[in-house]
Amino acid sequence: MGIRKKLFVTFLATFLVLILAAGGFFFFAFEKSLSKYIDERQQAQVERLAEHLGVLYTQRGSWHFLLDEPRLLTRLYWLAGDREARLERDGGPRRDRDAPRHLTLLSPDKRPLLGPPPPSRLSEQVPIRVGDTLVGWLAYPDQEAIRDKLDQRFQERLLRFMSTMALVGLALSLLVSWLLARHLVAPVTALTRHTRRLREGEYEARLTSARRDEIGQLIHHVNGLGERLDQGRRARQRWFSDIAHELRTPLSVLQGELEAMVDGVRPLNQDGIAALESQVRQLTHLVNDLHDLALADAGNLRYHFRQVDLDTLCEDALDALRPALGRRRVTVHTTLAPARLGGDPVRLRQLLDNLLQNSLKYTDEGGQLRLDLAADGDQWCLTLDDSAPGVPDEALPKLFDHLYRVESSRNRETGGAGLGLAIGQRIVEAHGGTMSADHSPLGGLRITVRLPRGS
């Protein structure tokens, strides 16, 4: 059973239970209230009749006026019930079939004088007094016995009315349940169609909704998921295209060199073999970087953590790069505080080599490079600044993307494949730290690495 049918059945059952409960309560409360009203009205009418009879007894001196004309009791009964207007309109007292046959006139010693024999069980006996003298009694039986047929007719009419209202309520319940189920399931159905489109690769599809409830939040999250999938698809396409481009360049150079040697255009000597070896080395480095990055993205890059001195690793990395820095006449300034932390020395050295080589490749000759290492709260803060050329503002957030290179002075002619910073960010994240890029006060790029001191 679908969710729409489940909601429809649930709403319908709820409405029916409420209708039945409300109808039963109404029927019970109305019947009880009516019974109490009839009892109180009957009691008041008989008491008024007793007062009228007391006045007539005073005027006549006995009950002979009633015994001689029994129908007078009927007229007095209806007069006691405030029915004078009705009697005048009808032209006299009601017919015998409407006479109060349940009333019995009793003597002071409770002997029947007028009316039917007193029932075995009397619910009320109302005294008839003249001053302080008791001259008789008015008796009537239990009200349940009097109202049997009246109640039955009333109940039948009430049940017919409630049955009609129940049918109307059922029809309204069906309509409202269907509308509610449709309204609540409509966004779920739209989400189902939308996720099917996402599954089929239509990542650019979006749902529009002005809802602010949980379903609106779900639609917003699904749209965010579609946007991320679309970004992932574009990144994957760009990734394949960039990889193909990066591999094509050294392979093209290799192929051209080999064809030149085969055709005799280029002699097969030590210099030609050295040029081929340089291209193979560049290609091997690119493939190794791609492999490391793939392992890092999959979380399979191995780490062996132990206590290491980060300041010592920085000095070793700088010492290894000083000849190249000297050839480019790059001045190096360092401020390294003793920093001991838990990490993988091989991966941290790889991080430092990538950062320093990136600065070396993209810094103009005669420039500057500054490396600072200091404590910052519960973290070690490593800052690497270099001089011009700088990086545009829009390129800063993209520096850690795969194969990204700034299309300016920091381009492919002087740089690498654009994988060093991406691999470095994965290494920093594996150590529980963060890495960010910003403009350097020296005019170039600033890379800030933060690593936890207690890791």
Protein backbone atom coordinates (compact mmCIF):
# COMPACT_ATOMS: atom_id res chain seq x y z
CA MET A 1 0.00 0.00 0.00
CA GLY A 2 1.37 3.38 -1.01
CA ILE A 3 1.88 6.24 1.40
CA ARG A 4 -1.04 8.15 -0.15
CA LYS A 5 -3.44 5.26 0.55
CA LYS A 6 -2.04 4.86 4.06
CA LEU A 7 -2.56 8.54 4.81
CA PHE A 8 -6.03 8.44 3.27
CA VAL A 9 -7.08 5.44 5.39
CA THR A 10 -5.53 6.98 8.52
CA PHE A 11 -7.27 10.33 8.09
CA LEU A 12 -10.57 8.66 7.19
CA ALA A 13 -10.46 6.34 10.20
CA THR A 14 -9.59 9.27 12.47
CA PHE A 15 -12.46 11.38 11.16
CA LEU A 16 -14.92 8.48 11.48
CA VAL A 17 -13.89 7.80 15.08
CA LEU A 18 -14.29 11.49 15.90
CA ILE A 19 -17.70 11.62 14.19
CA LEU A 20 -18.95 8.52 16.02
CA ALA A 21 -17.57 9.72 19.36
CA ALA A 22 -19.06 13.20 18.94
CA GLY A 23 -22.40 11.78 17.76
CA GLY A 24 -22.64 9.33 20.66
CA PHE A 25 -21.75 11.99 23.18
CA PHE A 26 -24.29 14.40 21.65
CA PHE A 27 -27.03 11.76 21.66
CA PHE A 28 -26.36 10.74 25.26
CA ALA A 29 -26.05 14.31 26.56
CA PHE A 30 -29.12 15.53 24.67
CA GLU A 31 -31.30 12.63 25.82
CA LYS A 32 -30.28 13.10 29.44
CA SER A 33 -30.82 16.84 29.27
CA LEU A 34 -34.23 16.38 27.63
CA SER A 35 -35.29 13.83 30.24
CA LYS A 36 -34.31 16.17 33.03
CA TYR A 37 -36.12 19.06 31.35
CA ILE A 38 -39.35 17.03 30.91
CA ASP A 39 -39.22 15.84 34.51
CA GLU A 40 -38.74 19.35 35.85
CA ARG A 41 -41.44 20.75 33.56
CA GLN A 42 -43.90 18.00 34.54
CA GLN A 43 -43.19 18.63 38.23
CA ALA A 44 -43.76 22.39 37.87
CA GLN A 45 -46.96 21.89 35.85
CA VAL A 46 -48.46 19.50 38.44
CA GLU A 47 -47.53 21.89 41.25
CA ARG A 48 -49.29 24.78 39.46
CA LEU A 49 -52.31 22.52 38.90
CA ALA A 50 -52.39 21.76 42.61
CA GLU A 51 -52.44 25.49 43.38
CA HIS A 52 -55.36 26.03 40.91
CA LEU A 53 -57.26 23.12 42.44
CA GLY A 54 -56.73 24.55 45.93
CA VAL A 55 -58.23 27.86 44.83
CA LEU A 56 -61.25 26.11 43.22
CA TYR A 57 -61.71 23.91 46.28
CA THR A 58 -61.87 27.06 48.41
CA GLN A 59 -64.52 28.52 46.10
CA ARG A 60 -66.62 25.32 45.73
CA GLY A 61 -66.10 23.78 49.17
CA SER A 62 -65.66 20.20 47.85
CA TRP A 63 -64.44 18.09 44.88
CA HIS A 64 -67.93 17.65 43.43
CA PHE A 65 -67.25 20.17 40.64
CA LEU A 66 -64.54 17.82 39.36
CA LEU A 67 -66.40 14.61 40.00
CA ASP A 68 -69.40 15.99 38.11
CA GLU A 69 -67.27 17.24 35.17
CA PRO A 70 -64.05 15.15 34.89
CA ARG A 71 -62.98 16.94 31.67
CA LEU A 72 -62.45 20.09 33.70
CA LEU A 73 -59.27 18.50 35.08
CA THR A 74 -57.92 18.35 31.56
CA ARG A 75 -58.58 22.05 30.98
CA LEU A 76 -57.00 22.95 34.32
CA TYR A 77 -53.96 20.77 33.52
CA TRP A 78 -53.30 22.54 30.23
CA LEU A 79 -53.94 25.94 31.82
CA ALA A 80 -51.32 25.05 34.43
CA GLY A 81 -48.97 24.37 31.55
CA ASP A 82 -49.38 27.94 30.17
CA ARG A 83 -51.42 26.72 27.16
CA GLU A 84 -54.21 29.31 27.30
CA ALA A 85 -53.27 30.74 23.96
CA ARG A 86 -53.33 27.31 22.38
CA LEU A 87 -56.67 26.44 24.00
CA GLU A 88 -58.23 29.65 22.72
CA ARG A 89 -56.88 29.02 19.24
CA ASP A 90 -58.17 25.43 19.25
CA GLY A 91 -61.56 26.55 20.54
CA GLY A 92 -61.53 24.71 23.86
CA PRO A 93 -59.80 22.01 25.82
CA ARG A 94 -57.90 19.22 24.03
CA ARG A 95 -59.63 15.99 23.11
CA ASP A 96 -59.96 13.12 25.53
CA ARG A 97 -57.08 11.29 23.93
CA ASP A 98 -54.90 14.23 25.05
CA ALA A 99 -56.24 14.28 28.60
CA PRO A 100 -53.77 13.66 31.38
CA ARG A 101 -54.88 10.10 32.02
CA HIS A 102 -51.85 9.52 34.22
CA LEU A 103 -53.03 12.00 36.90
CA THR A 104 -54.95 10.73 39.91
CA LEU A 105 -56.85 12.92 42.39
CA LEU A 106 -56.63 11.49 45.93
CA SER A 107 -58.42 12.42 49.10
CA PRO A 108 -56.48 13.61 52.12
CA ASP A 109 -56.25 10.00 53.28
CA LYS A 110 -55.00 9.04 49.76
CA ARG A 111 -58.18 7.37 48.51
CA PRO A 112 -58.69 7.68 44.69
CA LEU A 113 -61.33 10.26 43.82
CA LEU A 114 -60.74 10.90 40.09
CA GLY A 115 -58.57 9.42 37.41
CA PRO A 116 -57.03 5.98 36.86
CA PRO A 117 -56.23 3.76 39.81
CA PRO A 118 -52.98 4.85 41.37
CA PRO A 119 -50.03 2.77 40.15
CA SER A 120 -48.22 0.46 42.45
CA ARG A 121 -45.15 2.72 42.39
CA LEU A 122 -45.71 6.49 42.51
CA SER A 123 -42.79 8.73 41.74
CA GLU A 124 -44.45 11.90 43.06
CA GLN A 125 -47.41 12.98 45.23
CA VAL A 126 -48.11 16.69 45.25
CA PRO A 127 -50.29 17.94 48.16
CA ILE A 128 -53.32 20.21 47.55
CA ARG A 129 -53.71 22.69 50.39
CA VAL A 130 -56.17 25.37 51.37
CA GLY A 131 -54.19 27.51 53.70
CA ASP A 132 -52.67 25.04 56.13
CA THR A 133 -55.38 22.40 55.55
CA LEU A 134 -54.59 19.36 53.38
CA VAL A 135 -57.59 18.74 51.10
CA GLY A 136 -56.11 16.19 48.66
CA TRP A 137 -53.24 14.84 46.63
CA LEU A 138 -52.26 14.83 42.95
CA ALA A 139 -50.36 11.69 42.07
CA TYR A 140 -48.63 10.68 38.85
CA PRO A 141 -46.58 7.59 38.11
CA ASP A 142 -42.91 7.15 37.29
CA GLN A 143 -41.96 9.37 34.37
CA GLU A 144 -40.33 6.51 32.45
CA ALA A 145 -43.66 4.77 32.20
CA ILE A 146 -45.36 7.95 31.00
CA ARG A 147 -42.82 8.80 28.31
CA ASP A 148 -42.14 5.39 26.78
CA LYS A 149 -43.83 6.10 23.44
CA LEU A 150 -42.74 9.74 23.40
CA ASP A 151 -39.14 8.79 24.01
CA GLN A 152 -39.30 6.11 21.37
CA ARG A 153 -40.56 8.58 18.75
CA PHE A 154 -38.02 11.15 19.81
CA GLN A 155 -35.19 8.64 19.67
CA GLU A 156 -36.27 7.50 16.23
CA ARG A 157 -36.29 11.08 14.93
CA LEU A 158 -32.96 11.80 16.61
CA LEU A 159 -31.39 8.64 15.18
CA ARG A 160 -32.63 9.51 11.69
CA PHE A 161 -31.14 12.97 12.04
CA MET A 162 -27.84 11.59 13.33
CA SER A 163 -27.73 8.99 10.55
CA THR A 164 -28.15 11.75 7.98
CA MET A 165 -25.44 13.80 9.64
CA ALA A 166 -23.18 10.73 9.80
CA LEU A 167 -23.57 10.21 6.06
CA VAL A 168 -22.78 13.86 5.45
CA GLY A 169 -19.79 13.57 7.78
CA LEU A 170 -18.62 10.43 5.97
CA ALA A 171 -18.79 12.21 2.63
CA LEU A 172 -16.87 15.19 4.02
CA SER A 173 -14.35 12.85 5.65
CA LEU A 174 -13.73 11.11 2.34
CA LEU A 175 -13.21 14.43 0.58
CA VAL A 176 -11.00 15.98 3.27
CA SER A 177 -8.95 12.77 3.70
CA TRP A 178 -8.33 12.57 -0.02
CA LEU A 179 -7.34 16.23 -0.24
CA LEU A 180 -5.04 16.00 2.78
CA ALA A 181 -3.39 12.81 1.56
CA ARG A 182 -2.89 14.35 -1.87
CA HIS A 183 -1.50 17.56 -0.40
CA LEU A 184 0.96 15.77 1.89
CA VAL A 185 2.11 13.21 -0.67
CA ALA A 186 2.50 15.68 -3.55
CA PRO A 187 5.99 16.88 -2.46
CA VAL A 188 7.05 13.30 -1.75
CA THR A 189 5.95 12.30 -5.24
CA ALA A 190 7.85 15.27 -6.68
CA LEU A 191 10.94 14.24 -4.69
CA THR A 192 10.62 10.69 -6.01
CA ARG A 193 10.51 11.93 -9.61
CA HIS A 194 13.40 14.29 -8.92
CA THR A 195 15.62 11.59 -7.37
CA ARG A 196 14.84 9.34 -10.34
CA ARG A 197 16.11 12.11 -12.62
CA LEU A 198 19.23 12.41 -10.48
CA ARG A 199 19.75 8.67 -10.70
CA GLU A 200 19.55 8.95 -14.49
CA GLY A 201 22.25 11.62 -14.50
CA GLU A 202 20.17 14.82 -14.82
CA TYR A 203 22.13 16.58 -12.07
CA GLU A 204 21.16 20.06 -13.25
CA ALA A 205 17.48 19.49 -12.37
CA ARG A 206 16.18 21.48 -9.38
CA LEU A 207 12.96 21.50 -7.34
CA THR A 208 11.26 24.81 -6.54
CA SER A 209 9.35 25.08 -3.28
CA ALA A 210 8.42 27.91 -0.90
CA ARG A 211 7.73 25.54 2.01
CA ARG A 212 9.45 26.27 5.32
CA ASP A 213 8.66 22.99 7.08
CA GLU A 214 10.63 19.72 7.24
CA ILE A 215 9.62 18.79 3.70
CA GLY A 216 10.90 22.17 2.49
CA GLN A 217 14.21 21.48 4.23
CA LEU A 218 14.33 18.04 2.60
CA ILE A 219 13.74 19.61 -0.84
CA HIS A 220 16.52 22.12 -0.10
CA HIS A 221 18.92 19.31 0.87
CA VAL A 222 18.02 17.27 -2.22
CA ASN A 223 18.69 20.32 -4.39
CA GLY A 224 22.02 20.70 -2.61
CA LEU A 225 22.76 17.05 -3.31
CA GLY A 226 21.97 17.56 -7.00
CA GLU A 227 24.26 20.61 -7.07
CA ARG A 228 27.09 18.64 -5.46
CA LEU A 229 26.58 15.77 -7.92
CA ASP A 230 26.63 18.23 -10.80
CA GLN A 231 29.82 19.78 -9.46
CA GLY A 232 31.31 16.32 -9.03
CA ARG A 233 30.45 15.39 -12.60
CA ARG A 234 32.01 18.57 -13.95
CA ALA A 235 35.06 18.08 -11.73
CA ARG A 236 35.38 14.49 -12.88
CA GLN A 237 35.17 15.54 -16.52
CA ARG A 238 37.71 18.28 -15.92
CA TRP A 239 39.86 15.81 -13.99
CA PHE A 240 39.94 13.34 -16.90
CA SER A 241 40.58 16.13 -19.37
CA ASP A 242 43.42 17.57 -17.28
CA ILE A 243 45.00 14.16 -16.74
CA ALA A 244 44.88 13.47 -20.46
CA HIS A 245 46.42 16.87 -21.13
CA GLU A 246 49.17 16.43 -18.54
CA LEU A 247 50.08 12.97 -19.83
CA ARG A 248 49.89 14.00 -23.47
CA THR A 249 52.56 16.69 -23.13
CA PRO A 250 55.52 14.54 -21.94
CA LEU A 251 54.41 11.67 -24.13
CA SER A 252 54.31 13.96 -27.16
CA VAL A 253 57.79 15.22 -26.35
CA LEU A 254 59.05 11.67 -25.92
CA GLN A 255 57.46 10.58 -29.18
CA GLY A 256 58.90 13.55 -31.04
CA GLU A 257 62.41 12.94 -29.66
CA LEU A 258 62.28 9.24 -30.49
CA GLU A 259 60.96 9.86 -34.01
CA ALA A 260 63.71 12.43 -34.57
CA MET A 261 66.32 9.90 -33.47
CA VAL A 262 64.80 7.14 -35.61
CA ASP A 263 64.72 9.46 -38.66
CA GLY A 264 68.28 10.55 -38.02
CA VAL A 265 67.28 14.17 -37.47
CA ARG A 266 68.60 14.04 -33.92
CA PRO A 267 71.71 12.03 -33.13
CA LEU A 268 71.45 9.20 -30.66
CA ASN A 269 73.97 10.51 -28.15
CA GLN A 270 74.28 11.20 -24.45
CA ASP A 271 72.52 14.55 -24.65
CA GLY A 272 69.52 13.06 -26.50
CA ILE A 273 69.24 10.20 -24.00
CA ALA A 274 69.45 12.72 -21.12
CA ALA A 275 66.58 14.72 -22.66
CA LEU A 276 64.51 11.56 -22.96
CA GLU A 277 65.34 10.62 -19.37
CA SER A 278 64.19 14.07 -18.20
CA GLN A 279 60.84 13.64 -19.89
CA VAL A 280 60.45 10.13 -18.43
CA ARG A 281 61.31 11.46 -14.99
CA GLN A 282 58.68 14.21 -15.33
CA LEU A 283 56.13 11.67 -16.50
CA THR A 284 56.98 9.32 -13.61
CA HIS A 285 56.65 12.16 -11.11
CA LEU A 286 53.25 13.07 -12.51
CA VAL A 287 52.01 9.48 -12.36
CA ASN A 288 53.28 9.11 -8.79
CA ASP A 289 51.52 12.31 -7.77
CA LEU A 290 48.30 11.12 -9.37
CA HIS A 291 48.61 7.81 -7.56
CA ASP A 292 49.23 9.51 -4.20
CA LEU A 293 46.31 11.87 -4.72
CA ALA A 294 43.99 8.99 -5.64
CA LEU A 295 45.05 7.11 -2.50
CA ALA A 296 44.57 10.24 -0.36
CA ASP A 297 41.09 10.90 -1.76
CA ALA A 298 40.12 7.28 -1.10
CA GLY A 299 41.59 7.41 2.42
CA ASN A 300 44.09 4.66 1.58
CA LEU A 301 47.29 6.68 1.81
CA ARG A 302 49.30 5.01 4.55
CA TYR A 303 50.56 6.95 7.55
CA HIS A 304 52.94 5.90 10.32
CA PHE A 305 52.55 8.31 13.21
CA ARG A 306 55.24 8.91 15.79
CA GLN A 307 56.74 11.85 17.63
CA VAL A 308 58.66 14.11 15.24
CA ASP A 309 60.34 17.53 15.37
CA LEU A 310 58.63 19.68 12.79
CA ASP A 311 61.32 22.38 13.00
CA THR A 312 63.99 19.82 12.14
CA LEU A 313 61.96 18.64 9.15
CA CYS A 314 61.68 22.25 7.96
CA GLU A 315 65.47 22.77 8.21
CA ASP A 316 66.16 19.53 6.32
CA ALA A 317 63.73 20.45 3.54
CA LEU A 318 65.31 23.91 3.22
CA ASP A 319 68.83 22.46 3.19
CA ALA A 320 67.86 20.14 0.34
CA LEU A 321 66.49 23.06 -1.67
CA ARG A 322 69.19 25.68 -0.93
CA PRO A 323 71.23 24.99 -4.10
CA ALA A 324 68.21 25.56 -6.29
CA LEU A 325 67.25 28.63 -4.27
CA GLY A 326 70.78 29.95 -4.67
CA ARG A 327 70.69 29.51 -8.43
CA ARG A 328 67.52 31.61 -8.58
CA ARG A 329 68.97 34.10 -6.06
CA VAL A 330 66.02 33.68 -3.73
CA THR A 331 66.68 34.97 -0.21
CA VAL A 332 65.38 32.74 2.61
CA HIS A 333 64.35 33.96 6.10
CA THR A 334 63.33 31.47 8.77
CA THR A 335 61.94 31.74 12.28
CA LEU A 336 61.48 28.19 13.56
CA ALA A 337 60.41 27.50 17.14
CA PRO A 338 61.04 24.00 18.53
CA ALA A 339 57.89 22.10 17.59
CA ARG A 340 57.30 18.49 18.56
CA LEU A 341 54.13 16.74 17.51
CA GLY A 342 52.72 13.36 16.53
CA GLY A 343 52.82 12.73 12.79
CA ASP A 344 54.22 10.79 9.88
CA PRO A 345 57.71 12.21 9.16
CA VAL A 346 57.71 10.94 5.56
CA ARG A 347 54.38 12.57 4.70
CA LEU A 348 55.21 15.77 6.56
CA ARG A 349 58.49 15.99 4.64
CA GLN A 350 56.56 15.41 1.43
CA LEU A 351 54.27 18.29 2.45
CA LEU A 352 57.20 20.63 3.10
CA ASP A 353 58.93 19.65 -0.16
CA ASN A 354 55.77 20.35 -2.15
CA LEU A 355 55.27 23.75 -0.50
CA LEU A 356 58.89 24.85 -0.93
CA GLN A 357 59.15 23.61 -4.50
CA ASN A 358 55.88 25.38 -5.32
CA SER A 359 57.32 28.66 -4.00
CA LEU A 360 60.59 28.07 -5.85
CA LYS A 361 58.84 27.48 -9.17
CA TYR A 362 56.53 30.44 -8.92
CA THR A 363 58.83 33.08 -7.40
CA ASP A 364 60.72 35.47 -9.65
CA GLU A 365 64.49 35.41 -9.55
CA GLY A 366 65.95 37.55 -6.83
CA GLY A 367 62.80 37.19 -4.76
CA GLN A 368 62.25 36.31 -1.12
CA LEU A 369 60.94 33.36 0.82
CA ARG A 370 60.08 33.39 4.51
CA LEU A 371 59.25 30.34 6.64
CA ASP A 372 57.86 30.82 10.18
CA LEU A 373 56.92 28.15 12.71
CA ALA A 374 55.36 29.15 16.04
CA ALA A 375 52.86 28.00 18.63
CA ASP A 376 49.33 29.39 18.39
CA GLY A 377 47.19 28.16 21.28
CA ASP A 378 46.82 24.40 21.00
CA GLN A 379 48.20 24.39 17.43
CA TRP A 380 51.46 24.75 15.59
CA CYS A 381 51.25 27.41 12.91
CA LEU A 382 53.54 27.04 9.89
CA THR A 383 53.54 30.06 7.53
CA LEU A 384 55.29 30.15 4.16
CA ASP A 385 55.47 33.51 2.33
CA ASP A 386 57.02 34.21 -1.04
CA SER A 387 57.40 37.28 -3.19
CA ALA A 388 55.87 38.24 -6.54
CA PRO A 389 54.13 37.21 -8.65
CA GLY A 390 50.94 37.01 -6.67
CA VAL A 391 47.64 35.16 -7.10
CA PRO A 392 44.32 36.77 -8.11
CA ASP A 393 41.58 36.83 -5.51
CA GLU A 394 39.31 34.50 -7.48
CA ALA A 395 42.10 31.89 -7.71
CA LEU A 396 42.78 31.57 -3.98
CA PRO A 397 39.91 29.15 -3.18
CA LYS A 398 40.87 26.94 -6.16
CA LEU A 399 44.58 26.49 -5.41
CA PHE A 400 43.97 23.15 -3.67
CA ASP A 401 41.90 21.70 -6.51
CA HIS A 402 43.26 18.84 -8.58
CA LEU A 403 45.48 19.96 -11.48
CA TYR A 404 44.63 23.62 -10.94
CA ARG A 405 47.12 26.23 -12.08
CA VAL A 406 46.72 29.98 -12.05
CA GLU A 407 46.51 31.34 -15.58
CA SER A 408 48.97 34.17 -14.95
CA SER A 409 52.65 34.38 -14.16
CA ARG A 410 52.17 31.29 -12.01
CA ASN A 411 51.44 29.05 -14.98
CA ARG A 412 52.54 25.81 -16.53
CA GLU A 413 55.61 27.17 -18.21
CA THR A 414 57.37 27.57 -14.86
CA GLY A 415 55.24 25.29 -12.67
CA GLY A 416 54.26 21.66 -12.39
CA ALA A 417 51.06 19.78 -12.90
CA GLY A 418 49.15 21.47 -10.10
CA LEU A 419 49.00 18.48 -7.76
CA GLY A 420 51.43 19.49 -5.01
CA LEU A 421 49.03 21.68 -3.01
CA ALA A 422 46.17 19.17 -3.44
CA ILE A 423 48.34 16.35 -2.06
CA GLY A 424 49.62 18.61 0.71
CA GLN A 425 46.09 19.47 1.80
CA ARG A 426 45.23 15.77 2.08
CA ILE A 427 48.33 15.20 4.23
CA VAL A 428 47.44 18.10 6.53
CA GLU A 429 43.84 16.87 6.88
CA ALA A 430 45.08 13.38 7.73
CA HIS A 431 47.05 14.94 10.61
CA GLY A 432 43.92 16.74 11.87
CA GLY A 433 45.01 20.16 10.67
CA THR A 434 44.03 22.78 8.14
CA MET A 435 45.78 24.54 5.26
CA SER A 436 44.74 27.84 3.70
CA ALA A 437 46.01 30.27 1.09
CA ASP A 438 46.09 34.07 1.16
CA HIS A 439 47.98 37.04 -0.22
CA SER A 440 51.48 37.43 1.17
CA PRO A 441 52.82 40.76 2.46
CA LEU A 442 55.92 39.99 0.34
CA GLY A 443 53.77 40.29 -2.79
CA GLY A 444 53.28 36.62 -3.56
CA LEU A 445 51.38 33.78 -1.92
CA ARG A 446 51.02 32.88 1.74
CA ILE A 447 50.34 29.28 2.72
CA THR A 448 49.30 28.71 6.35
CA VAL A 449 49.37 25.22 7.84
CA ARG A 450 47.89 24.56 11.28
CA LEU A 451 48.58 21.26 13.02
CA PRO A 452 47.38 20.22 16.49
CA ARG A 453 50.10 20.26 19.11
CA GLY A 454 48.70 17.27 20.96
CA SER A 455 48.25 14.98 17.94
